[in-house]
C-alpha atoms as a PDB file:
ATOM      1  CA  MET A   1     114.828  57.073 -31.317  1.00  0.00           C
ATOM      2  CA  LYS A   2     113.799  54.144 -33.449  1.00  0.00           C
ATOM      3  CA  ILE A   3     111.080  51.818 -31.973  1.00  0.00           C
ATOM      4  CA  ILE A   4     111.315  48.242 -33.056  1.00  0.00           C
ATOM      5  CA  LYS A   5     108.049  46.282 -32.883  1.00  0.00           C
ATOM      6  CA  THR A   6     108.219  42.448 -32.469  1.00  0.00           C
ATOM      7  CA  ALA A   7     105.405  40.340 -33.886  1.00  0.00           C
ATOM      8  CA  ARG A   8     103.832  38.074 -31.257  1.00  0.00           C
ATOM      9  CA  SER A   9     103.360  34.465 -32.412  1.00  0.00           C
ATOM     10  CA  GLN A  10      99.713  33.456 -32.870  1.00  0.00           C
ATOM     11  CA  LEU A  11      99.270  29.976 -31.352  1.00  0.00           C
ATOM     12  CA  GLY A  12      96.091  27.678 -31.448  1.00  0.00           C
ATOM     13  CA  ILE A  13      94.680  25.407 -28.740  1.00  0.00           C
ATOM     14  CA  ASN A  14      96.951  22.435 -28.157  1.00  0.00           C
ATOM     15  CA  MET A  15      95.910  18.827 -27.464  1.00  0.00           C
ATOM     16  CA  VAL A  16      96.344  19.088 -23.677  1.00  0.00           C
ATOM     17  CA  GLU A  17      93.899  22.018 -23.493  1.00  0.00           C
ATOM     18  CA  ILE A  18      91.394  20.160 -25.582  1.00  0.00           C
ATOM     19  CA  MET A  19      91.620  17.099 -23.382  1.00  0.00           C
ATOM     20  CA  ILE A  20      91.233  19.233 -20.240  1.00  0.00           C
ATOM     21  CA  ALA A  21      88.157  21.008 -21.729  1.00  0.00           C
ATOM     22  CA  MET A  22      86.653  17.678 -22.702  1.00  0.00           C
ATOM     23  CA  LEU A  23      87.189  16.238 -19.273  1.00  0.00           C
ATOM     24  CA  ILE A  24      85.550  19.222 -17.558  1.00  0.00           C
ATOM     25  CA  GLY A  25      82.627  18.851 -20.045  1.00  0.00           C
ATOM     26  CA  VAL A  26      82.275  15.181 -19.194  1.00  0.00           C
ATOM     27  CA  PHE A  27      82.104  16.005 -15.473  1.00  0.00           C
ATOM     28  CA  LEU A  28      79.519  18.693 -16.023  1.00  0.00           C
ATOM     29  CA  VAL A  29      77.313  16.526 -18.265  1.00  0.00           C
ATOM     30  CA  GLY A  30      77.725  13.603 -15.863  1.00  0.00           C
ATOM     31  CA  GLY A  31      76.567  15.765 -12.965  1.00  0.00           C
ATOM     32  CA  LEU A  32      73.528  16.854 -14.982  1.00  0.00           C
ATOM     33  CA  ILE A  33      72.670  13.275 -15.775  1.00  0.00           C
ATOM     34  CA  GLN A  34      73.002  12.245 -12.215  1.00  0.00           C
ATOM     35  CA  MET A  35      70.728  15.132 -11.173  1.00  0.00           C
ATOM     36  CA  PHE A  36      68.171  14.040 -13.808  1.00  0.00           C
ATOM     37  CA  ILE A  37      68.296  10.414 -12.712  1.00  0.00           C
ATOM     38  CA  GLY A  38      67.991  11.309  -9.040  1.00  0.00           C
ATOM     39  CA  SER A  39      65.001  13.595  -9.761  1.00  0.00           C
ATOM     40  CA  LYS A  40      63.330  10.954 -11.898  1.00  0.00           C
ATOM     41  CA  LYS A  41      63.812   8.318  -9.164  1.00  0.00           C
ATOM     42  CA  THR A  42      62.502  10.637  -6.482  1.00  0.00           C
ATOM     43  CA  TYR A  43      59.443  11.434  -8.634  1.00  0.00           C
ATOM     44  CA  SER A  44      58.847   7.749  -9.309  1.00  0.00           C
ATOM     45  CA  LEU A  45      59.012   6.913  -5.560  1.00  0.00           C
ATOM     46  CA  GLN A  46      56.665   9.771  -4.703  1.00  0.00           C
ATOM     47  CA  GLU A  47      54.289   8.661  -7.403  1.00  0.00           C
ATOM     48  CA  ALA A  48      54.397   5.067  -6.291  1.00  0.00           C
ATOM     49  CA  ASN A  49      53.756   6.035  -2.690  1.00  0.00           C
ATOM     50  CA  ALA A  50      50.867   8.259  -3.657  1.00  0.00           C
ATOM     51  CA  ARG A  51      49.355   5.435  -5.688  1.00  0.00           C
ATOM     52  CA  LEU A  52      49.864   3.027  -2.768  1.00  0.00           C
ATOM     53  CA  GLN A  53      48.007   5.391  -0.458  1.00  0.00           C
ATOM     54  CA  GLU A  54      45.171   5.658  -2.922  1.00  0.00           C
ATOM     55  CA  ASN A  55      44.912   1.914  -3.448  1.00  0.00           C
ATOM     56  CA  GLY A  56      45.083   1.261   0.266  1.00  0.00           C
ATOM     57  CA  ARG A  57      42.331   3.818   0.911  1.00  0.00           C
ATOM     58  CA  PHE A  58      40.081   2.383  -1.796  1.00  0.00           C
ATOM     59  CA  ALA A  59      40.580  -1.190  -0.547  1.00  0.00           C
ATOM     60  CA  ILE A  60      39.739  -0.210   3.023  1.00  0.00           C
ATOM     61  CA  GLU A  61      36.650   1.702   1.896  1.00  0.00           C
ATOM     62  CA  PHE A  62      35.279  -1.168  -0.157  1.00  0.00           C
ATOM     63  CA  LEU A  63      35.740  -3.599   2.718  1.00  0.00           C
ATOM     64  CA  SER A  64      34.370  -1.209   5.307  1.00  0.00           C
ATOM     65  CA  GLN A  65      31.081  -0.739   3.570  1.00  0.00           C
ATOM     66  CA  ASP A  66      30.241  -4.428   3.400  1.00  0.00           C
ATOM     67  CA  VAL A  67      31.627  -5.333   6.840  1.00  0.00           C
ATOM     68  CA  HIS A  68      29.568  -2.658   8.463  1.00  0.00           C
ATOM     69  CA  GLN A  69      26.247  -3.778   6.920  1.00  0.00           C
ATOM     70  CA  ALA A  70      26.980  -7.587   7.257  1.00  0.00           C
ATOM     71  CA  ASP A  71      24.504  -9.747   9.152  1.00  0.00           C
ATOM     72  CA  PHE A  72      21.548  -7.339   8.622  1.00  0.00           C
ATOM     73  CA  TRP A  73      18.349  -9.469   8.505  1.00  0.00           C
ATOM     74  CA  GLY A  74      15.782  -6.623   8.522  1.00  0.00           C
ATOM     75  CA  CYS A  75      13.302  -6.976  11.343  1.00  0.00           C
ATOM     76  CA  ILE A  76      13.976 -10.696  11.713  1.00  0.00           C
ATOM     77  CA  THR A  77      15.625 -11.296  15.060  1.00  0.00           C
ATOM     78  CA  ASP A  78      16.170 -14.980  14.430  1.00  0.00           C
ATOM     79  CA  ASN A  79      17.839 -15.704  11.140  1.00  0.00           C
ATOM     80  CA  THR A  80      16.901 -19.371  11.432  1.00  0.00           C
ATOM     81  CA  LYS A  81      13.378 -18.177  10.417  1.00  0.00           C
ATOM     82  CA  VAL A  82      14.778 -17.337   7.005  1.00  0.00           C
ATOM     83  CA  TYR A  83      13.472 -19.934   4.486  1.00  0.00           C
ATOM     84  CA  PRO A  84      14.951 -22.028   3.006  1.00  0.00           C
ATOM     85  CA  PHE A  85      16.822 -22.540   6.315  1.00  0.00           C
ATOM     86  CA  GLY A  86      20.470 -21.806   6.026  1.00  0.00           C
ATOM     87  CA  ALA A  87      20.181 -19.287   3.221  1.00  0.00           C
ATOM     88  CA  GLY A  88      21.143 -16.459   5.506  1.00  0.00           C
ATOM     89  CA  SER A  89      22.270 -18.237   8.650  1.00  0.00           C
ATOM     90  CA  VAL A  90      25.957 -17.080   8.557  1.00  0.00           C
ATOM     91  CA  GLY A  91      26.505 -13.356   8.353  1.00  0.00           C
ATOM     92  CA  VAL A  92      30.327 -13.461   8.589  1.00  0.00           C
ATOM     93  CA  SER A  93      32.715 -16.241   7.497  1.00  0.00           C
ATOM     94  CA  GLY A  94      36.042 -16.627   5.862  1.00  0.00           C
ATOM     95  CA  ASN A  95      39.028 -18.783   4.998  1.00  0.00           C
ATOM     96  CA  ASP A  96      42.406 -18.581   6.678  1.00  0.00           C
ATOM     97  CA  ASN A  97      45.171 -19.068   4.098  1.00  0.00           C
ATOM     98  CA  ASP A  98      42.412 -19.656   1.579  1.00  0.00           C
ATOM     99  CA  ASP A  99      43.023 -22.830  -0.541  1.00  0.00           C
ATOM    100  CA  SER A 100      39.396 -23.276  -1.546  1.00  0.00           C
ATOM    101  CA  ASP A 101      40.047 -21.848  -4.966  1.00  0.00           C
ATOM    102  CA  ALA A 102      43.196 -22.442  -7.004  1.00  0.00           C
ATOM    103  CA  ASP A 103      43.026 -18.926  -8.412  1.00  0.00           C
ATOM    104  CA  VAL A 104      43.332 -17.312  -4.941  1.00  0.00           C
ATOM    105  CA  VAL A 105      46.848 -16.209  -4.183  1.00  0.00           C
ATOM    106  CA  ASN A 106      48.468 -18.782  -1.856  1.00  0.00           C
ATOM    107  CA  GLY A 107      48.642 -17.861   1.776  1.00  0.00           C
ATOM    108  CA  THR A 108      46.134 -15.020   1.657  1.00  0.00           C
ATOM    109  CA  ASP A 109      42.881 -14.850   3.548  1.00  0.00           C
ATOM    110  CA  SER A 110      39.344 -14.270   2.276  1.00  0.00           C
ATOM    111  CA  ILE A 111      36.137 -13.052   3.936  1.00  0.00           C
ATOM    112  CA  THR A 112      32.470 -13.579   3.073  1.00  0.00           C
ATOM    113  CA  LEU A 113      29.832 -11.198   4.241  1.00  0.00           C
ATOM    114  CA  THR A 114      26.120 -11.991   3.987  1.00  0.00           C
ATOM    115  CA  GLY A 115      22.818 -10.231   4.839  1.00  0.00           C
ATOM    116  CA  PHE A 116      19.943  -8.201   3.445  1.00  0.00           C
ATOM    117  CA  LYS A 117      19.886  -4.730   1.947  1.00  0.00           C
ATOM    118  CA  ASN A 118      16.983  -2.630   2.878  1.00  0.00           C
ATOM    119  CA  LEU A 119      15.222  -1.420  -0.330  1.00  0.00           C
ATOM    120  CA  ALA A 120      12.078  -0.140   1.435  1.00  0.00           C
ATOM    121  CA  ILE A 121       9.751  -1.975  -0.901  1.00  0.00           C
ATOM    122  CA  PRO A 122       6.385  -2.459   0.847  1.00  0.00           C
ATOM    123  CA  VAL A 123       3.912  -5.218  -0.072  1.00  0.00           C
ATOM    124  CA  VAL A 124       0.501  -3.509  -0.526  1.00  0.00           C
ATOM    125  CA  GLU A 125      -1.841  -6.527  -0.977  1.00  0.00           C
ATOM    126  CA  THR A 126      -2.146  -9.859   0.787  1.00  0.00           C
ATOM    127  CA  GLY A 127      -1.450 -12.834  -1.495  1.00  0.00           C
ATOM    128  CA  SER A 128      -0.778 -16.565  -1.397  1.00  0.00           C
ATOM    129  CA  ASN A 129       2.638 -18.179  -1.408  1.00  0.00           C
ATOM    130  CA  THR A 130       2.366 -18.777  -5.178  1.00  0.00           C
ATOM    131  CA  THR A 131       0.896 -15.490  -6.444  1.00  0.00           C
ATOM    132  CA  PRO A 132       3.064 -12.458  -7.382  1.00  0.00           C
ATOM    133  CA  LEU A 133       3.878  -9.904  -4.680  1.00  0.00           C
ATOM    134  CA  THR A 134       1.991  -6.627  -5.253  1.00  0.00           C
ATOM    135  CA  ILE A 135       4.107  -3.570  -4.535  1.00  0.00           C
ATOM    136  CA  GLN A 136       3.762   0.114  -4.708  1.00  0.00           C
ATOM    137  CA  ALA A 137       4.486   1.546  -8.122  1.00  0.00           C
ATOM    138  CA  GLY A 138       8.009   2.904  -8.513  1.00  0.00           C
ATOM    139  CA  THR A 139       9.492   1.219  -5.430  1.00  0.00           C
ATOM    140  CA  GLY A 140      10.826  -1.857  -7.005  1.00  0.00           C
ATOM    141  CA  ASP A 141      12.946  -0.431  -9.763  1.00  0.00           C
ATOM    142  CA  SER A 142      16.165  -1.647  -8.104  1.00  0.00           C
ATOM    143  CA  LEU A 143      15.123  -5.279  -8.544  1.00  0.00           C
ATOM    144  CA  ASP A 144      15.967  -6.922 -11.861  1.00  0.00           C
ATOM    145  CA  VAL A 145      15.035 -10.324 -13.201  1.00  0.00           C
ATOM    146  CA  ASN A 146      17.244 -13.063 -11.672  1.00  0.00           C
ATOM    147  CA  ASP A 147      18.154 -10.892  -8.738  1.00  0.00           C
ATOM    148  CA  TRP A 148      17.802 -12.574  -5.335  1.00  0.00           C
ATOM    149  CA  ALA A 149      15.560 -10.901  -2.837  1.00  0.00           C
ATOM    150  CA  VAL A 150      13.834 -11.529   0.505  1.00  0.00           C
ATOM    151  CA  VAL A 151      10.303 -10.878   1.643  1.00  0.00           C
ATOM    152  CA  THR A 152       9.639 -10.724   5.363  1.00  0.00           C
ATOM    153  CA  ASN A 153       6.854  -9.800   7.824  1.00  0.00           C
ATOM    154  CA  CYS A 154       9.220  -9.740  10.889  1.00  0.00           C
ATOM    155  CA  GLU A 155       8.122 -13.223  11.969  1.00  0.00           C
ATOM    156  CA  TYR A 156       9.710 -15.119   9.133  1.00  0.00           C
ATOM    157  CA  ALA A 157      11.218 -14.518   5.699  1.00  0.00           C
ATOM    158  CA  ASP A 158      11.576 -16.214   2.319  1.00  0.00           C
ATOM    159  CA  VAL A 159      14.523 -15.875   0.035  1.00  0.00           C
ATOM    160  CA  PHE A 160      13.597 -15.933  -3.619  1.00  0.00           C
ATOM    161  CA  ARG A 161      14.736 -15.243  -7.157  1.00  0.00           C
ATOM    162  CA  VAL A 162      12.994 -12.517  -9.073  1.00  0.00           C
ATOM    163  CA  LEU A 163      11.302 -14.076 -12.051  1.00  0.00           C
ATOM    164  CA  GLY A 164       9.633 -10.936 -13.283  1.00  0.00           C
ATOM    165  CA  ASN A 165       9.114  -7.276 -12.314  1.00  0.00           C
ATOM    166  CA  SER A 166       6.255  -5.356 -13.892  1.00  0.00           C
ATOM    167  CA  GLY A 167       6.742  -2.285 -11.681  1.00  0.00           C
ATOM    168  CA  THR A 168       3.711  -3.130  -9.498  1.00  0.00           C
ATOM    169  CA  SER A 169       4.233  -6.865  -8.965  1.00  0.00           C
ATOM    170  CA  ILE A 170       7.100  -9.241  -8.442  1.00  0.00           C
ATOM    171  CA  ASP A 171       6.945 -12.753  -9.740  1.00  0.00           C
ATOM    172  CA  HIS A 172       8.758 -15.413  -7.675  1.00  0.00           C
ATOM    173  CA  ASP A 173       9.312 -19.032  -6.886  1.00  0.00           C
ATOM    174  CA  ASP A 174       6.896 -20.529  -4.432  1.00  0.00           C
ATOM    175  CA  PHE A 175       7.207 -19.356  -0.837  1.00  0.00           C
ATOM    176  CA  ALA A 176       7.114 -21.430   2.324  1.00  0.00           C
ATOM    177  CA  ASN A 177       4.886 -18.769   3.867  1.00  0.00           C
ATOM    178  CA  GLU A 178       2.158 -16.248   2.876  1.00  0.00           C
ATOM    179  CA  TYR A 179       2.729 -12.425   3.155  1.00  0.00           C
ATOM    180  CA  GLY A 180       0.351  -9.509   3.521  1.00  0.00           C
ATOM    181  CA  THR A 181       0.493  -5.726   3.800  1.00  0.00           C
ATOM    182  CA  SER A 182       2.796  -5.939   6.825  1.00  0.00           C
ATOM    183  CA  ALA A 183       5.562  -7.410   4.679  1.00  0.00           C
ATOM    184  CA  GLN A 184       8.413  -5.736   2.912  1.00  0.00           C
ATOM    185  CA  ILE A 185      10.946  -6.732   0.320  1.00  0.00           C
ATOM    186  CA  LEU A 186      14.714  -6.498   0.782  1.00  0.00           C
ATOM    187  CA  LYS A 187      17.645  -7.484  -1.392  1.00  0.00           C
ATOM    188  CA  TRP A 188      19.826 -10.518  -0.645  1.00  0.00           C
ATOM    189  CA  TYR A 189      23.521 -10.070  -0.821  1.00  0.00           C
ATOM    190  CA  SER A 190      26.575 -12.278  -0.206  1.00  0.00           C
ATOM    191  CA  VAL A 191      29.983 -11.100  -1.254  1.00  0.00           C
ATOM    192  CA  THR A 192      33.462 -12.561  -0.911  1.00  0.00           C
ATOM    193  CA  TYR A 193      36.682 -10.560  -0.872  1.00  0.00           C
ATOM    194  CA  ASP A 194      39.946 -12.301  -1.801  1.00  0.00           C
ATOM    195  CA  ILE A 195      43.280 -11.873  -3.481  1.00  0.00           C
ATOM    196  CA  ARG A 196      43.767 -13.015  -7.023  1.00  0.00           C
ATOM    197  CA  LEU A 197      46.005 -12.179  -9.996  1.00  0.00           C
ATOM    198  CA  GLY A 198      44.710  -9.035 -11.655  1.00  0.00           C
ATOM    199  CA  SER A 199      44.729  -7.898 -15.294  1.00  0.00           C
ATOM    200  CA  ASN A 200      48.338  -6.791 -15.075  1.00  0.00           C
ATOM    201  CA  GLY A 201      49.536 -10.171 -13.769  1.00  0.00           C
ATOM    202  CA  GLN A 202      50.061  -8.809 -10.207  1.00  0.00           C
ATOM    203  CA  PRO A 203      47.869  -9.643  -7.152  1.00  0.00           C
ATOM    204  CA  ALA A 204      44.742  -7.551  -6.617  1.00  0.00           C
ATOM    205  CA  LEU A 205      41.703  -7.294  -4.325  1.00  0.00           C
ATOM    206  CA  PHE A 206      38.675  -8.987  -5.940  1.00  0.00           C
ATOM    207  CA  LYS A 207      34.989  -8.970  -4.971  1.00  0.00           C
ATOM    208  CA  SER A 208      32.572 -11.725  -5.970  1.00  0.00           C
ATOM    209  CA  GLN A 209      28.814 -12.052  -5.455  1.00  0.00           C
ATOM    210  CA  PHE A 210      27.075 -15.354  -4.582  1.00  0.00           C
ATOM    211  CA  ASP A 211      23.495 -16.482  -4.582  1.00  0.00           C
ATOM    212  CA  PRO A 212      21.784 -18.099  -1.509  1.00  0.00           C
ATOM    213  CA  ASN A 213      22.952 -21.520  -2.755  1.00  0.00           C
ATOM    214  CA  ASN A 214      26.589 -20.239  -2.607  1.00  0.00           C
ATOM    215  CA  VAL A 215      26.836 -20.312  -6.420  1.00  0.00           C
ATOM    216  CA  LEU A 216      28.879 -17.534  -7.990  1.00  0.00           C
ATOM    217  CA  VAL A 217      26.653 -14.977  -9.742  1.00  0.00           C
ATOM    218  CA  VAL A 218      27.744 -15.011 -13.376  1.00  0.00           C
ATOM    219  CA  GLY A 219      29.712 -11.990 -14.319  1.00  0.00           C
ATOM    220  CA  SER A 220      29.855 -10.647 -10.761  1.00  0.00           C
ATOM    221  CA  ARG A 221      33.536 -11.168 -10.006  1.00  0.00           C
ATOM    222  CA  GLN A 222      35.449  -7.929 -10.455  1.00  0.00           C
ATOM    223  CA  GLU A 223      38.898  -6.582  -9.763  1.00  0.00           C
ATOM    224  CA  LEU A 224      38.573  -3.684  -7.371  1.00  0.00           C
ATOM    225  CA  VAL A 225      42.070  -2.529  -6.461  1.00  0.00           C
ATOM    226  CA  GLU A 226      45.331  -3.498  -8.127  1.00  0.00           C
ATOM    227  CA  GLY A 227      48.531  -4.126  -6.193  1.00  0.00           C
ATOM    228  CA  ILE A 228      46.944  -5.633  -3.018  1.00  0.00           C
ATOM    229  CA  GLU A 229      49.403  -8.526  -2.591  1.00  0.00           C
ATOM    230  CA  ASP A 230      48.193  -9.918   0.743  1.00  0.00           C
ATOM    231  CA  MET A 231      45.182  -9.810   3.050  1.00  0.00           C
ATOM    232  CA  GLN A 232      45.238 -11.292   6.590  1.00  0.00           C
ATOM    233  CA  ILE A 233      42.171 -11.207   8.778  1.00  0.00           C
ATOM    234  CA  LEU A 234      41.470 -11.768  12.410  1.00  0.00           C
ATOM    235  CA  TYR A 235      37.918 -12.051  13.808  1.00  0.00           C
ATOM    236  CA  GLY A 236      36.917 -10.388  17.112  1.00  0.00           C
ATOM    237  CA  GLU A 237      35.112 -12.966  19.236  1.00  0.00           C
ATOM    238  CA  ASP A 238      32.859 -11.950  22.149  1.00  0.00           C
ATOM    239  CA  SER A 239      33.273 -14.902  24.592  1.00  0.00           C
ATOM    240  CA  ASP A 240      31.398 -13.414  27.600  1.00  0.00           C
ATOM    241  CA  ASP A 241      28.372 -12.044  25.719  1.00  0.00           C
ATOM    242  CA  ASP A 242      28.925  -8.392  26.671  1.00  0.00           C
ATOM    243  CA  GLY A 243      28.750  -7.246  23.091  1.00  0.00           C
ATOM    244  CA  ILE A 244      32.490  -6.401  22.883  1.00  0.00           C
ATOM    245  CA  ALA A 245      35.195  -8.490  21.216  1.00  0.00           C
ATOM    246  CA  ASP A 246      37.451 -10.061  23.816  1.00  0.00           C
ATOM    247  CA  ARG A 247      40.126 -11.440  21.461  1.00  0.00           C
ATOM    248  CA  TYR A 248      41.019 -11.575  17.829  1.00  0.00           C
ATOM    249  CA  LEU A 249      41.564 -14.909  16.190  1.00  0.00           C
ATOM    250  CA  PRO A 250      41.992 -16.565  12.779  1.00  0.00           C
ATOM    251  CA  ILE A 251      38.616 -17.838  11.555  1.00  0.00           C
ATOM    252  CA  ASN A 252      39.559 -21.493  12.201  1.00  0.00           C
ATOM    253  CA  GLN A 253      40.161 -20.739  15.934  1.00  0.00           C
ATOM    254  CA  VAL A 254      36.842 -18.974  16.529  1.00  0.00           C
ATOM    255  CA  ASP A 255      34.514 -21.152  18.678  1.00  0.00           C
ATOM    256  CA  ASP A 256      31.270 -19.679  17.319  1.00  0.00           C
ATOM    257  CA  THR A 257      31.008 -17.403  14.267  1.00  0.00           C
ATOM    258  CA  ALA A 258      27.751 -16.029  15.654  1.00  0.00           C
ATOM    259  CA  ASN A 259      29.824 -14.334  18.337  1.00  0.00           C
ATOM    260  CA  ILE A 260      32.031 -12.392  15.989  1.00  0.00           C
ATOM    261  CA  LYS A 261      31.627  -8.673  16.690  1.00  0.00           C
ATOM    262  CA  GLY A 262      34.268  -7.242  14.403  1.00  0.00           C
ATOM    263  CA  VAL A 263      37.178  -8.025  12.095  1.00  0.00           C
ATOM    264  CA  ARG A 264      40.703  -6.782  11.893  1.00  0.00           C
ATOM    265  CA  ILE A 265      42.048  -6.572   8.378  1.00  0.00           C
ATOM    266  CA  THR A 266      45.672  -6.083   7.357  1.00  0.00           C
ATOM    267  CA  LEU A 267      46.515  -5.437   3.672  1.00  0.00           C
ATOM    268  CA  LEU A 268      49.899  -5.435   2.006  1.00  0.00           C
ATOM    269  CA  ALA A 269      49.966  -3.111  -1.023  1.00  0.00           C
ATOM    270  CA  GLY A 270      52.765  -3.183  -3.596  1.00  0.00           C
ATOM    271  CA  SER A 271      53.638  -0.674  -6.339  1.00  0.00           C
ATOM    272  CA  ALA A 272      53.079  -1.580  -9.987  1.00  0.00           C
ATOM    273  CA  THR A 273      56.508  -0.318 -10.919  1.00  0.00           C
ATOM    274  CA  ARG A 274      59.507  -2.586 -10.245  1.00  0.00           C
ATOM    275  CA  GLY A 275      63.065  -1.563  -9.399  1.00  0.00           C
ATOM    276  CA  LEU A 276      62.182   1.535  -7.297  1.00  0.00           C
ATOM    277  CA  ILE A 277      64.360   0.287  -4.382  1.00  0.00           C
ATOM    278  CA  SER A 278      67.640  -1.439  -4.848  1.00  0.00           C
ATOM    279  CA  THR A 279      67.664  -3.718  -1.783  1.00  0.00           C
ATOM    280  CA  LYS A 280      65.221  -5.690   0.360  1.00  0.00           C
ATOM    281  CA  GLU A 281      65.458  -3.099   3.017  1.00  0.00           C
ATOM    282  CA  GLY A 282      62.189  -1.372   3.716  1.00  0.00           C
ATOM    283  CA  ILE A 283      59.992  -4.215   2.236  1.00  0.00           C
ATOM    284  CA  THR A 284      57.359  -4.972   4.823  1.00  0.00           C
ATOM    285  CA  LEU A 285      55.816  -8.423   5.077  1.00  0.00           C
ATOM    286  CA  ILE A 286      52.819  -9.781   6.993  1.00  0.00           C
ATOM    287  CA  TYR A 287      53.139 -13.010   8.847  1.00  0.00           C
ATOM    288  CA  ALA A 288      50.013 -14.845  10.095  1.00  0.00           C
ATOM    289  CA  SER A 289      50.097 -15.342  13.813  1.00  0.00           C
ATOM    290  CA  GLY A 290      49.914 -18.933  14.968  1.00  0.00           C
ATOM    291  CA  SER A 291      47.638 -18.268  17.935  1.00  0.00           C
ATOM    292  CA  GLY A 292      44.987 -15.780  18.970  1.00  0.00           C
ATOM    293  CA  VAL A 293      45.942 -12.237  19.496  1.00  0.00           C
ATOM    294  CA  GLU A 294      44.454 -11.142  22.846  1.00  0.00           C
ATOM    295  CA  GLY A 295      42.790  -7.768  23.377  1.00  0.00           C
ATOM    296  CA  PRO A 296      41.217  -5.301  21.046  1.00  0.00           C
ATOM    297  CA  GLU A 297      44.258  -3.080  20.847  1.00  0.00           C
ATOM    298  CA  SER A 298      46.718  -5.769  19.815  1.00  0.00           C
ATOM    299  CA  ASN A 299      48.216  -6.035  16.335  1.00  0.00           C
ATOM    300  CA  SER A 300      46.233  -8.068  13.848  1.00  0.00           C
ATOM    301  CA  LYS A 301      49.268  -9.910  12.425  1.00  0.00           C
ATOM    302  CA  ALA A 302      52.991  -9.937  13.119  1.00  0.00           C
ATOM    303  CA  VAL A 303      54.500  -7.289  10.830  1.00  0.00           C
ATOM    304  CA  THR A 304      58.209  -7.255  10.111  1.00  0.00           C
ATOM    305  CA  THR A 305      60.552  -5.361   7.933  1.00  0.00           C
ATOM    306  CA  CYS A 306      63.260  -7.198   5.936  1.00  0.00           C
ATOM    307  CA  PRO A 307      66.777  -5.754   6.588  1.00  0.00           C
ATOM    308  CA  SER A 308      69.118  -5.633   3.655  1.00  0.00           C
ATOM    309  CA  ASN A 309      71.244  -8.489   5.001  1.00  0.00           C
ATOM    310  CA  SER A 310      68.225 -10.764   5.803  1.00  0.00           C
ATOM    311  CA  THR A 311      68.726 -14.450   5.121  1.00  0.00           C
ATOM    312  CA  SER A 312      64.983 -15.257   5.565  1.00  0.00           C
ATOM    313  CA  SER A 313      63.742 -17.259   2.599  1.00  0.00           C
ATOM    314  CA  THR A 314      60.657 -15.087   2.447  1.00  0.00           C
ATOM    315  CA  CYS A 315      62.702 -11.823   2.455  1.00  0.00           C
ATOM    316  CA  MET A 316      65.207 -13.231   0.046  1.00  0.00           C
ATOM    317  CA  GLY A 317      62.407 -13.839  -2.464  1.00  0.00           C
ATOM    318  CA  MET A 318      61.358 -10.122  -2.327  1.00  0.00           C
ATOM    319  CA  THR A 319      63.889  -8.869  -4.884  1.00  0.00           C
ATOM    320  CA  ASP A 320      61.558  -7.067  -7.365  1.00  0.00           C
ATOM    321  CA  GLY A 321      62.295  -3.577  -5.984  1.00  0.00           C
ATOM    322  CA  ARG A 322      58.702  -2.687  -5.481  1.00  0.00           C
ATOM    323  CA  VAL A 323      57.600  -0.204  -2.802  1.00  0.00           C
ATOM    324  CA  ARG A 324      55.272  -1.800  -0.255  1.00  0.00           C
ATOM    325  CA  ASN A 325      53.021  -0.444   2.515  1.00  0.00           C
ATOM    326  CA  VAL A 326      50.867  -2.100   5.146  1.00  0.00           C
ATOM    327  CA  TYR A 327      47.315  -0.875   5.936  1.00  0.00           C
ATOM    328  CA  ASP A 328      45.586  -2.116   9.039  1.00  0.00           C
ATOM    329  CA  ILE A 329      41.999  -1.397  10.169  1.00  0.00           C
ATOM    330  CA  THR A 330      39.562  -2.785  12.781  1.00  0.00           C
ATOM    331  CA  LEU A 331      35.909  -2.761  11.757  1.00  0.00           C
ATOM    332  CA  ALA A 332      32.813  -3.408  13.826  1.00  0.00           C
ATOM    333  CA  ILE A 333      29.911  -5.552  12.503  1.00  0.00           C
ATOM    334  CA  ARG A 334      27.373  -2.959  13.554  1.00  0.00           C
ATOM    335  CA  ASN A 335      24.345  -5.234  13.315  1.00  0.00           C
ATOM    336  CA  ARG A 336      25.817  -7.406  16.111  1.00  0.00           C
ATOM    337  CA  LEU A 337      26.605  -4.673  18.554  1.00  0.00           C
ATOM    338  CA  LYS A 338      24.393  -4.261  21.609  1.00  0.00           C
END
């Protein structure tokens, strides 16, 4: 029997098959690209939130340190005995919607904290009000020329500028009083926290130092934390002299700043990176309250979240896509607590 073999035609890939393969490839590559973009966006959001948490923590820490030690006058119980009078008379003050400086971000608050820092520098010899103060060797190393300091014997105190420091004596301007071996030297401090434009062009938390004449110390203004866009502050006033804040108010509604026992600070922090969120939804804004907020547990400022369909002029302006978080803390002025 004769077997006849038939040659099978050898055919290539036709155009339809090529197009189908290309289409499948496009879908696969597109999926990979989408996965990469999604992963990158998730990473960017996580990184921005981590940086926000870090910035908020740093800002609160800086503020807490100075608020806690504000209004410390050493062993002086009556700060009107600090000469020249008025140099240290106000331990806590501030500005609501600060417009005292054109460089401060519009609508933000500022706070000024004043007092002494205990350096434990004892005076070891009695001198006149014009002679240098004699101190124990090695105790005055923290005082530099042109620093502002205070000498006190617990009855009265003189604020002075350091004219010289030999290590065993401190030169100074003339005092109003004379001091002996019962006196000690402390360091004057007055700092202001406010919101200004930082080195990257975005708002930041700044700290500035002032001398007793309320003149900015040259070179003292420094940017502490970037991305702090807003700071709103309420002051806890003790109206019945029981040592506890009864209500929290803007500084311009406080009857007597000497009765301020604490402060409630609200910070709005924004990410450095733009375009992380596509709508206004989730952007939190701080609105200053128009009247006092009663009770120590009440919110410091009205806080609202912009919905994506908001028609508020303030919300409509927040279209930069930055991630924002609010940080709120209530701090006691420890030197005023009973």
